[in-house]
């Protein structure tokens, strides 16, 4: 079986695939990112999750890791070595040359965005825009010639809500959900409307401008933890694929073996 791990700033997401070269996605998991946790703590957590799914660590024959949290990269590598007896494939500069993508600013682009782009290219076979709803809201543009054209980054929806409650005296933290009306009649609805519907406008504007610049047929894919919250409120997306990043990491295993 193949285990892929995406270490993000808010959550660590994982996917377990039926065989070492991808296959079908059998299980997923999501845990909070805690930068100060050690490899011992994450070993305990990941082992417990696997056993809860009926998967002994010995069933995992290969692992792929993406991390945008530098303080956790080494602990996660050591965790994989301890649980599975081998170092993971780490998506980064050393692997980029093996991927079927031209990657600009390889020292700067997040490995999760590279995974998004790879999965989008493999699934669409052409130009695409991946809108990833994470801690940051990212737009990764893939061109017609299998090249990452560039990225746009905005604060994520959760980041915006947290900033409102942190930096204002009277606005509370609210759960992100679409309100019944765009015009809020109480504080909670007002914040939900401003963030949810405001970000719909942001995404629609960015995607339309990007599509104009890319030209030709461009597929638009939504992914990330909050993608489903937004997807039903706009027609801008061709596909909603919450597991796109995990699939991209599974594809990485194929190229790393070549």
C-alpha atoms as a PDB file:
ATOM      1  CA  UNK A   1       0.000   0.000   0.000  1.00  0.00           C
ATOM      2  CA  UNK A   2       1.035   3.605  -0.581  1.00  0.00           C
ATOM      3  CA  UNK A   3       0.756   6.266   2.112  1.00  0.00           C
ATOM      4  CA  UNK A   4       0.932   9.920   1.107  1.00  0.00           C
ATOM      5  CA  UNK A   5       1.202  12.736   3.654  1.00  0.00           C
ATOM      6  CA  UNK A   6       0.617  16.436   3.017  1.00  0.00           C
ATOM      7  CA  UNK A   7       1.866  18.568   5.913  1.00  0.00           C
ATOM      8  CA  UNK A   8       0.118  21.926   5.760  1.00  0.00           C
ATOM      9  CA  UNK A   9       0.119  24.889   8.105  1.00  0.00           C
ATOM     10  CA  UNK A  10      -3.284  24.047   9.593  1.00  0.00           C
ATOM     11  CA  UNK A  11      -3.765  20.334   8.953  1.00  0.00           C
ATOM     12  CA  UNK A  12      -1.783  17.237   8.087  1.00  0.00           C
ATOM     13  CA  UNK A  13      -3.736  15.254   5.505  1.00  0.00           C
ATOM     14  CA  UNK A  14      -3.027  11.692   4.524  1.00  0.00           C
ATOM     15  CA  UNK A  15      -4.186   9.209   1.922  1.00  0.00           C
ATOM     16  CA  UNK A  16      -3.785   5.447   1.761  1.00  0.00           C
ATOM     17  CA  UNK A  17      -3.823   3.887  -1.702  1.00  0.00           C
ATOM     18  CA  UNK A  18      -4.405   0.248  -2.518  1.00  0.00           C
ATOM     19  CA  UNK A  19      -0.982  -0.368  -4.029  1.00  0.00           C
ATOM     20  CA  UNK A  20       2.486   1.187  -4.101  1.00  0.00           C
ATOM     21  CA  UNK A  21       1.856   2.861  -7.442  1.00  0.00           C
ATOM     22  CA  UNK A  22      -1.347   4.577  -6.504  1.00  0.00           C
ATOM     23  CA  UNK A  23      -4.428   2.545  -7.349  1.00  0.00           C
ATOM     24  CA  UNK A  24      -7.664   3.570  -5.710  1.00  0.00           C
ATOM     25  CA  UNK A  25      -7.735   5.863  -2.688  1.00  0.00           C
ATOM     26  CA  UNK A  26      -8.907   3.607   0.143  1.00  0.00           C
ATOM     27  CA  UNK A  27      -8.700   5.883   3.192  1.00  0.00           C
ATOM     28  CA  UNK A  28      -8.023   9.492   4.113  1.00  0.00           C
ATOM     29  CA  UNK A  29      -7.285  11.208   7.413  1.00  0.00           C
ATOM     30  CA  UNK A  30      -6.810  14.732   8.710  1.00  0.00           C
ATOM     31  CA  UNK A  31      -5.134  15.840  11.941  1.00  0.00           C
ATOM     32  CA  UNK A  32      -4.173  19.233  13.336  1.00  0.00           C
ATOM     33  CA  UNK A  33      -0.690  20.489  12.549  1.00  0.00           C
ATOM     34  CA  UNK A  34       1.306  21.044  15.737  1.00  0.00           C
ATOM     35  CA  UNK A  35       4.796  22.261  14.753  1.00  0.00           C
ATOM     36  CA  UNK A  36       6.367  21.359  18.112  1.00  0.00           C
ATOM     37  CA  UNK A  37       5.266  17.729  18.140  1.00  0.00           C
ATOM     38  CA  UNK A  38       8.067  15.184  17.856  1.00  0.00           C
ATOM     39  CA  UNK A  39       8.511  12.165  15.607  1.00  0.00           C
ATOM     40  CA  UNK A  40       7.556   9.985  18.585  1.00  0.00           C
ATOM     41  CA  UNK A  41       4.239  11.768  19.003  1.00  0.00           C
ATOM     42  CA  UNK A  42       3.405  11.659  15.304  1.00  0.00           C
ATOM     43  CA  UNK A  43       4.441   7.995  15.142  1.00  0.00           C
ATOM     44  CA  UNK A  44       1.892   7.221  17.843  1.00  0.00           C
ATOM     45  CA  UNK A  45      -0.825   9.233  16.109  1.00  0.00           C
ATOM     46  CA  UNK A  46      -0.267   7.861  12.596  1.00  0.00           C
ATOM     47  CA  UNK A  47       0.084   4.262  13.824  1.00  0.00           C
ATOM     48  CA  UNK A  48      -3.167   4.603  15.762  1.00  0.00           C
ATOM     49  CA  UNK A  49      -4.973   5.968  12.694  1.00  0.00           C
ATOM     50  CA  UNK A  50      -3.699   3.136  10.503  1.00  0.00           C
ATOM     51  CA  UNK A  51      -4.672   0.447  13.004  1.00  0.00           C
ATOM     52  CA  UNK A  52      -8.103   2.044  13.370  1.00  0.00           C
ATOM     53  CA  UNK A  53      -8.518   1.565   9.599  1.00  0.00           C
ATOM     54  CA  UNK A  54      -7.423  -2.061   9.913  1.00  0.00           C
ATOM     55  CA  UNK A  55      -3.996  -1.380   8.369  1.00  0.00           C
ATOM     56  CA  UNK A  56      -0.840  -2.646  10.043  1.00  0.00           C
ATOM     57  CA  UNK A  57       2.225  -0.420   9.452  1.00  0.00           C
ATOM     58  CA  UNK A  58       3.873  -3.382   7.698  1.00  0.00           C
ATOM     59  CA  UNK A  59       1.249  -3.140   4.938  1.00  0.00           C
ATOM     60  CA  UNK A  60       2.690   0.239   3.881  1.00  0.00           C
ATOM     61  CA  UNK A  61       5.386  -0.417   1.282  1.00  0.00           C
ATOM     62  CA  UNK A  62       6.057   3.179   0.245  1.00  0.00           C
ATOM     63  CA  UNK A  63       5.409   6.711   1.483  1.00  0.00           C
ATOM     64  CA  UNK A  64       5.413  10.114  -0.201  1.00  0.00           C
ATOM     65  CA  UNK A  65       5.746  13.306   1.834  1.00  0.00           C
ATOM     66  CA  UNK A  66       5.030  16.937   1.060  1.00  0.00           C
ATOM     67  CA  UNK A  67       5.688  19.498   3.779  1.00  0.00           C
ATOM     68  CA  UNK A  68       5.367  23.283   3.810  1.00  0.00           C
ATOM     69  CA  UNK A  69       6.173  23.374   7.535  1.00  0.00           C
ATOM     70  CA  UNK A  70       9.997  23.182   7.707  1.00  0.00           C
ATOM     71  CA  UNK A  71      10.079  22.385  11.428  1.00  0.00           C
ATOM     72  CA  UNK A  72       8.027  19.240  10.803  1.00  0.00           C
ATOM     73  CA  UNK A  73       9.761  17.903   7.697  1.00  0.00           C
ATOM     74  CA  UNK A  74      12.518  16.056   9.513  1.00  0.00           C
ATOM     75  CA  UNK A  75      10.248  14.676  12.284  1.00  0.00           C
ATOM     76  CA  UNK A  76       7.872  13.336   9.624  1.00  0.00           C
ATOM     77  CA  UNK A  77      10.752  11.698   7.746  1.00  0.00           C
ATOM     78  CA  UNK A  78      11.929  10.076  10.979  1.00  0.00           C
ATOM     79  CA  UNK A  79       8.366   8.985  11.748  1.00  0.00           C
ATOM     80  CA  UNK A  80       8.172   7.200   8.374  1.00  0.00           C
ATOM     81  CA  UNK A  81      11.537   5.534   8.953  1.00  0.00           C
ATOM     82  CA  UNK A  82      10.420   4.318  12.372  1.00  0.00           C
ATOM     83  CA  UNK A  83       6.987   3.025  11.366  1.00  0.00           C
ATOM     84  CA  UNK A  84       7.649   1.748   7.861  1.00  0.00           C
ATOM     85  CA  UNK A  85      11.368   0.948   7.857  1.00  0.00           C
ATOM     86  CA  UNK A  86      12.306   3.273   4.988  1.00  0.00           C
ATOM     87  CA  UNK A  87      12.643   6.971   4.234  1.00  0.00           C
ATOM     88  CA  UNK A  88       9.737   8.579   2.392  1.00  0.00           C
ATOM     89  CA  UNK A  89       9.901  10.057  -1.075  1.00  0.00           C
ATOM     90  CA  UNK A  90      10.035  13.783  -0.289  1.00  0.00           C
ATOM     91  CA  UNK A  91       8.535  16.049  -2.924  1.00  0.00           C
ATOM     92  CA  UNK A  92      11.003  18.864  -3.463  1.00  0.00           C
ATOM     93  CA  UNK A  93      13.782  20.234  -5.648  1.00  0.00           C
ATOM     94  CA  UNK A  94      15.522  16.897  -6.138  1.00  0.00           C
ATOM     95  CA  UNK A  95      12.381  15.384  -7.650  1.00  0.00           C
ATOM     96  CA  UNK A  96      11.081  18.259  -9.722  1.00  0.00           C
ATOM     97  CA  UNK A  97      13.265  17.334 -12.681  1.00  0.00           C
ATOM     98  CA  UNK A  98      11.546  13.941 -12.933  1.00  0.00           C
ATOM     99  CA  UNK A  99       8.039  15.376 -13.148  1.00  0.00           C
ATOM    100  CA  UNK A 100       6.298  16.130 -16.465  1.00  0.00           C
ATOM    101  CA  UNK A 101       6.019  19.788 -15.494  1.00  0.00           C
ATOM    102  CA  UNK A 102       8.082  22.897 -16.061  1.00  0.00           C
ATOM    103  CA  UNK A 103       8.238  24.592 -12.656  1.00  0.00           C
ATOM    104  CA  UNK A 104       9.092  28.305 -12.285  1.00  0.00           C
ATOM    105  CA  UNK A 105      10.868  29.529  -9.144  1.00  0.00           C
ATOM    106  CA  UNK A 106      11.338  25.958  -7.850  1.00  0.00           C
ATOM    107  CA  UNK A 107      13.023  27.225  -4.659  1.00  0.00           C
ATOM    108  CA  UNK A 108       9.907  29.237  -3.777  1.00  0.00           C
ATOM    109  CA  UNK A 109       6.831  27.287  -4.889  1.00  0.00           C
ATOM    110  CA  UNK A 110       5.160  25.129  -2.245  1.00  0.00           C
ATOM    111  CA  UNK A 111       5.418  21.398  -2.827  1.00  0.00           C
ATOM    112  CA  UNK A 112       1.672  21.076  -2.199  1.00  0.00           C
ATOM    113  CA  UNK A 113       1.039  23.366  -5.157  1.00  0.00           C
ATOM    114  CA  UNK A 114       3.329  21.246  -7.320  1.00  0.00           C
ATOM    115  CA  UNK A 115       1.273  18.208  -6.293  1.00  0.00           C
ATOM    116  CA  UNK A 116      -1.916  20.102  -7.201  1.00  0.00           C
ATOM    117  CA  UNK A 117      -0.514  21.007 -10.605  1.00  0.00           C
ATOM    118  CA  UNK A 118       0.691  17.480 -11.317  1.00  0.00           C
ATOM    119  CA  UNK A 119      -2.675  15.961 -10.462  1.00  0.00           C
ATOM    120  CA  UNK A 120      -4.497  18.580 -12.528  1.00  0.00           C
ATOM    121  CA  UNK A 121      -2.273  17.891 -15.543  1.00  0.00           C
ATOM    122  CA  UNK A 122      -2.649  14.139 -15.236  1.00  0.00           C
ATOM    123  CA  UNK A 123      -6.425  14.341 -14.872  1.00  0.00           C
ATOM    124  CA  UNK A 124      -7.213  16.991 -17.501  1.00  0.00           C
ATOM    125  CA  UNK A 125      -4.329  16.622 -19.963  1.00  0.00           C
ATOM    126  CA  UNK A 126      -4.395  20.343 -20.628  1.00  0.00           C
ATOM    127  CA  UNK A 127      -4.490  23.822 -19.159  1.00  0.00           C
ATOM    128  CA  UNK A 128      -6.095  24.254 -15.769  1.00  0.00           C
ATOM    129  CA  UNK A 129      -6.469  26.473 -12.745  1.00  0.00           C
ATOM    130  CA  UNK A 130      -6.418  24.794  -9.336  1.00  0.00           C
ATOM    131  CA  UNK A 131      -8.132  26.786  -6.604  1.00  0.00           C
ATOM    132  CA  UNK A 132      -6.971  25.345  -3.289  1.00  0.00           C
ATOM    133  CA  UNK A 133      -8.906  26.377  -0.180  1.00  0.00           C
ATOM    134  CA  UNK A 134      -6.322  25.959   2.570  1.00  0.00           C
ATOM    135  CA  UNK A 135      -4.737  28.200   5.187  1.00  0.00           C
ATOM    136  CA  UNK A 136      -3.971  30.324   2.147  1.00  0.00           C
ATOM    137  CA  UNK A 137      -6.277  30.525  -0.857  1.00  0.00           C
ATOM    138  CA  UNK A 138      -4.072  29.634  -3.815  1.00  0.00           C
ATOM    139  CA  UNK A 139      -4.569  29.699  -7.573  1.00  0.00           C
ATOM    140  CA  UNK A 140      -2.118  27.476  -9.450  1.00  0.00           C
ATOM    141  CA  UNK A 141      -2.142  27.947 -13.213  1.00  0.00           C
ATOM    142  CA  UNK A 142      -1.038  25.100 -15.494  1.00  0.00           C
ATOM    143  CA  UNK A 143      -0.450  25.956 -19.147  1.00  0.00           C
ATOM    144  CA  UNK A 144      -1.186  24.056 -22.333  1.00  0.00           C
ATOM    145  CA  UNK A 145       2.438  22.884 -22.592  1.00  0.00           C
ATOM    146  CA  UNK A 146       2.629  21.082 -19.225  1.00  0.00           C
ATOM    147  CA  UNK A 147       4.095  24.108 -17.489  1.00  0.00           C
ATOM    148  CA  UNK A 148       3.199  25.796 -14.248  1.00  0.00           C
ATOM    149  CA  UNK A 149       2.613  29.360 -15.392  1.00  0.00           C
ATOM    150  CA  UNK A 150       2.477  30.816 -11.906  1.00  0.00           C
ATOM    151  CA  UNK A 151       0.512  31.145  -8.699  1.00  0.00           C
ATOM    152  CA  UNK A 152      -1.646  33.734  -6.931  1.00  0.00           C
ATOM    153  CA  UNK A 153      -2.006  33.681  -3.147  1.00  0.00           C
ATOM    154  CA  UNK A 154      -4.612  35.292  -0.890  1.00  0.00           C
ATOM    155  CA  UNK A 155      -5.495  34.755   2.778  1.00  0.00           C
ATOM    156  CA  UNK A 156      -7.636  31.647   3.233  1.00  0.00           C
ATOM    157  CA  UNK A 157     -11.231  31.814   4.433  1.00  0.00           C
ATOM    158  CA  UNK A 158     -10.340  30.477   7.867  1.00  0.00           C
ATOM    159  CA  UNK A 159      -7.439  32.902   8.089  1.00  0.00           C
ATOM    160  CA  UNK A 160      -9.794  35.792   7.313  1.00  0.00           C
ATOM    161  CA  UNK A 161     -12.293  34.731   9.973  1.00  0.00           C
ATOM    162  CA  UNK A 162      -9.532  34.266  12.554  1.00  0.00           C
ATOM    163  CA  UNK A 163      -8.143  37.715  11.765  1.00  0.00           C
ATOM    164  CA  UNK A 164     -11.553  39.329  12.268  1.00  0.00           C
ATOM    165  CA  UNK A 165     -12.050  37.779  15.694  1.00  0.00           C
ATOM    166  CA  UNK A 166      -8.443  38.403  16.737  1.00  0.00           C
ATOM    167  CA  UNK A 167      -8.101  41.990  15.590  1.00  0.00           C
ATOM    168  CA  UNK A 168     -11.522  43.430  16.412  1.00  0.00           C
ATOM    169  CA  UNK A 169     -12.999  44.030  19.844  1.00  0.00           C
ATOM    170  CA  UNK A 170     -16.587  42.918  19.247  1.00  0.00           C
ATOM    171  CA  UNK A 171     -16.546  40.403  16.388  1.00  0.00           C
ATOM    172  CA  UNK A 172     -16.603  36.744  17.444  1.00  0.00           C
ATOM    173  CA  UNK A 173     -15.137  33.694  15.737  1.00  0.00           C
ATOM    174  CA  UNK A 174     -17.810  32.015  13.597  1.00  0.00           C
ATOM    175  CA  UNK A 175     -18.066  28.717  11.778  1.00  0.00           C
ATOM    176  CA  UNK A 176     -17.726  29.051   8.025  1.00  0.00           C
ATOM    177  CA  UNK A 177     -21.061  28.234   6.413  1.00  0.00           C
ATOM    178  CA  UNK A 178     -23.175  29.878   3.744  1.00  0.00           C
ATOM    179  CA  UNK A 179     -25.758  32.159   5.378  1.00  0.00           C
ATOM    180  CA  UNK A 180     -29.397  32.119   4.307  1.00  0.00           C
ATOM    181  CA  UNK A 181     -29.089  35.665   2.968  1.00  0.00           C
ATOM    182  CA  UNK A 182     -26.298  37.759   1.512  1.00  0.00           C
ATOM    183  CA  UNK A 183     -27.554  40.605   3.706  1.00  0.00           C
ATOM    184  CA  UNK A 184     -26.695  39.611   7.273  1.00  0.00           C
ATOM    185  CA  UNK A 185     -29.323  40.304   9.942  1.00  0.00           C
ATOM    186  CA  UNK A 186     -27.053  39.475  12.884  1.00  0.00           C
ATOM    187  CA  UNK A 187     -23.314  39.476  13.575  1.00  0.00           C
ATOM    188  CA  UNK A 188     -22.749  35.814  12.719  1.00  0.00           C
ATOM    189  CA  UNK A 189     -24.646  36.017   9.427  1.00  0.00           C
ATOM    190  CA  UNK A 190     -22.896  39.271   8.574  1.00  0.00           C
ATOM    191  CA  UNK A 191     -19.441  37.736   8.960  1.00  0.00           C
ATOM    192  CA  UNK A 192     -20.440  34.570   7.097  1.00  0.00           C
ATOM    193  CA  UNK A 193     -21.867  36.620   4.246  1.00  0.00           C
ATOM    194  CA  UNK A 194     -18.872  38.911   3.980  1.00  0.00           C
ATOM    195  CA  UNK A 195     -16.355  36.064   3.988  1.00  0.00           C
ATOM    196  CA  UNK A 196     -18.206  33.391   1.998  1.00  0.00           C
ATOM    197  CA  UNK A 197     -19.826  35.587  -0.646  1.00  0.00           C
ATOM    198  CA  UNK A 198     -16.913  38.018  -0.687  1.00  0.00           C
ATOM    199  CA  UNK A 199     -14.523  35.187  -1.463  1.00  0.00           C
ATOM    200  CA  UNK A 200     -16.819  33.867  -4.173  1.00  0.00           C
ATOM    201  CA  UNK A 201     -16.451  37.234  -5.873  1.00  0.00           C
ATOM    202  CA  UNK A 202     -12.671  37.123  -5.369  1.00  0.00           C
ATOM    203  CA  UNK A 203     -12.400  33.625  -6.852  1.00  0.00           C
ATOM    204  CA  UNK A 204     -14.674  34.341  -9.812  1.00  0.00           C
ATOM    205  CA  UNK A 205     -12.750  37.504 -10.676  1.00  0.00           C
ATOM    206  CA  UNK A 206      -9.337  35.844 -10.386  1.00  0.00           C
ATOM    207  CA  UNK A 207     -10.354  32.811 -12.415  1.00  0.00           C
ATOM    208  CA  UNK A 208     -11.881  34.877 -15.218  1.00  0.00           C
ATOM    209  CA  UNK A 209      -8.787  37.070 -15.494  1.00  0.00           C
ATOM    210  CA  UNK A 210      -6.491  34.041 -15.433  1.00  0.00           C
ATOM    211  CA  UNK A 211      -8.494  32.246 -18.107  1.00  0.00           C
ATOM    212  CA  UNK A 212      -8.214  35.321 -20.338  1.00  0.00           C
ATOM    213  CA  UNK A 213      -4.442  35.357 -19.884  1.00  0.00           C
ATOM    214  CA  UNK A 214      -3.969  31.608 -20.435  1.00  0.00           C
ATOM    215  CA  UNK A 215      -6.254  31.455 -23.460  1.00  0.00           C
ATOM    216  CA  UNK A 216      -7.983  28.475 -25.016  1.00  0.00           C
ATOM    217  CA  UNK A 217      -9.812  25.828 -23.047  1.00  0.00           C
ATOM    218  CA  UNK A 218      -8.983  25.938 -19.337  1.00  0.00           C
ATOM    219  CA  UNK A 219     -10.435  23.604 -16.719  1.00  0.00           C
ATOM    220  CA  UNK A 220     -11.017  24.975 -13.222  1.00  0.00           C
ATOM    221  CA  UNK A 221     -10.662  22.618 -10.260  1.00  0.00           C
ATOM    222  CA  UNK A 222     -11.545  23.343  -6.636  1.00  0.00           C
ATOM    223  CA  UNK A 223      -9.754  21.469  -3.868  1.00  0.00           C
ATOM    224  CA  UNK A 224      -8.933  21.830  -0.181  1.00  0.00           C
ATOM    225  CA  UNK A 225     -10.876  21.478   3.012  1.00  0.00           C
ATOM    226  CA  UNK A 226     -13.410  24.233   2.328  1.00  0.00           C
ATOM    227  CA  UNK A 227     -13.900  23.595  -1.385  1.00  0.00           C
ATOM    228  CA  UNK A 228     -17.310  21.984  -0.911  1.00  0.00           C
ATOM    229  CA  UNK A 229     -18.533  24.930   1.173  1.00  0.00           C
ATOM    230  CA  UNK A 230     -18.001  27.285  -1.758  1.00  0.00           C
ATOM    231  CA  UNK A 231     -18.580  25.021  -4.755  1.00  0.00           C
ATOM    232  CA  UNK A 232     -22.371  24.970  -4.509  1.00  0.00           C
ATOM    233  CA  UNK A 233     -22.553  28.764  -4.574  1.00  0.00           C
ATOM    234  CA  UNK A 234     -20.773  29.382  -7.895  1.00  0.00           C
ATOM    235  CA  UNK A 235     -20.628  27.887 -11.369  1.00  0.00           C
ATOM    236  CA  UNK A 236     -16.971  28.798 -11.909  1.00  0.00           C
ATOM    237  CA  UNK A 237     -15.653  25.275 -11.205  1.00  0.00           C
ATOM    238  CA  UNK A 238     -15.622  22.405 -13.668  1.00  0.00           C
ATOM    239  CA  UNK A 239     -14.684  19.919 -10.947  1.00  0.00           C
ATOM    240  CA  UNK A 240     -14.582  19.777  -7.161  1.00  0.00           C
ATOM    241  CA  UNK A 241     -11.853  17.349  -6.090  1.00  0.00           C
ATOM    242  CA  UNK A 242     -11.054  17.546  -2.352  1.00  0.00           C
ATOM    243  CA  UNK A 243      -8.378  14.836  -2.681  1.00  0.00           C
ATOM    244  CA  UNK A 244      -6.496  16.421  -5.589  1.00  0.00           C
ATOM    245  CA  UNK A 245      -3.316  17.113  -3.589  1.00  0.00           C
ATOM    246  CA  UNK A 246      -3.213  13.546  -2.269  1.00  0.00           C
ATOM    247  CA  UNK A 247      -3.651  12.174  -5.794  1.00  0.00           C
ATOM    248  CA  UNK A 248      -0.809  14.399  -6.960  1.00  0.00           C
ATOM    249  CA  UNK A 249       1.464  12.919  -4.304  1.00  0.00           C
ATOM    250  CA  UNK A 250       0.418   9.426  -5.385  1.00  0.00           C
ATOM    251  CA  UNK A 251       1.430  10.294  -8.954  1.00  0.00           C
ATOM    252  CA  UNK A 252       4.807  11.462  -7.613  1.00  0.00           C
ATOM    253  CA  UNK A 253       5.580   7.890  -6.549  1.00  0.00           C
ATOM    254  CA  UNK A 254       5.407   6.821 -10.199  1.00  0.00           C
ATOM    255  CA  UNK A 255       7.929   9.401 -11.393  1.00  0.00           C
ATOM    256  CA  UNK A 256      10.277   8.930  -8.446  1.00  0.00           C
ATOM    257  CA  UNK A 257      10.715   5.282  -9.438  1.00  0.00           C
ATOM    258  CA  UNK A 258      11.818   6.113 -13.003  1.00  0.00           C
END
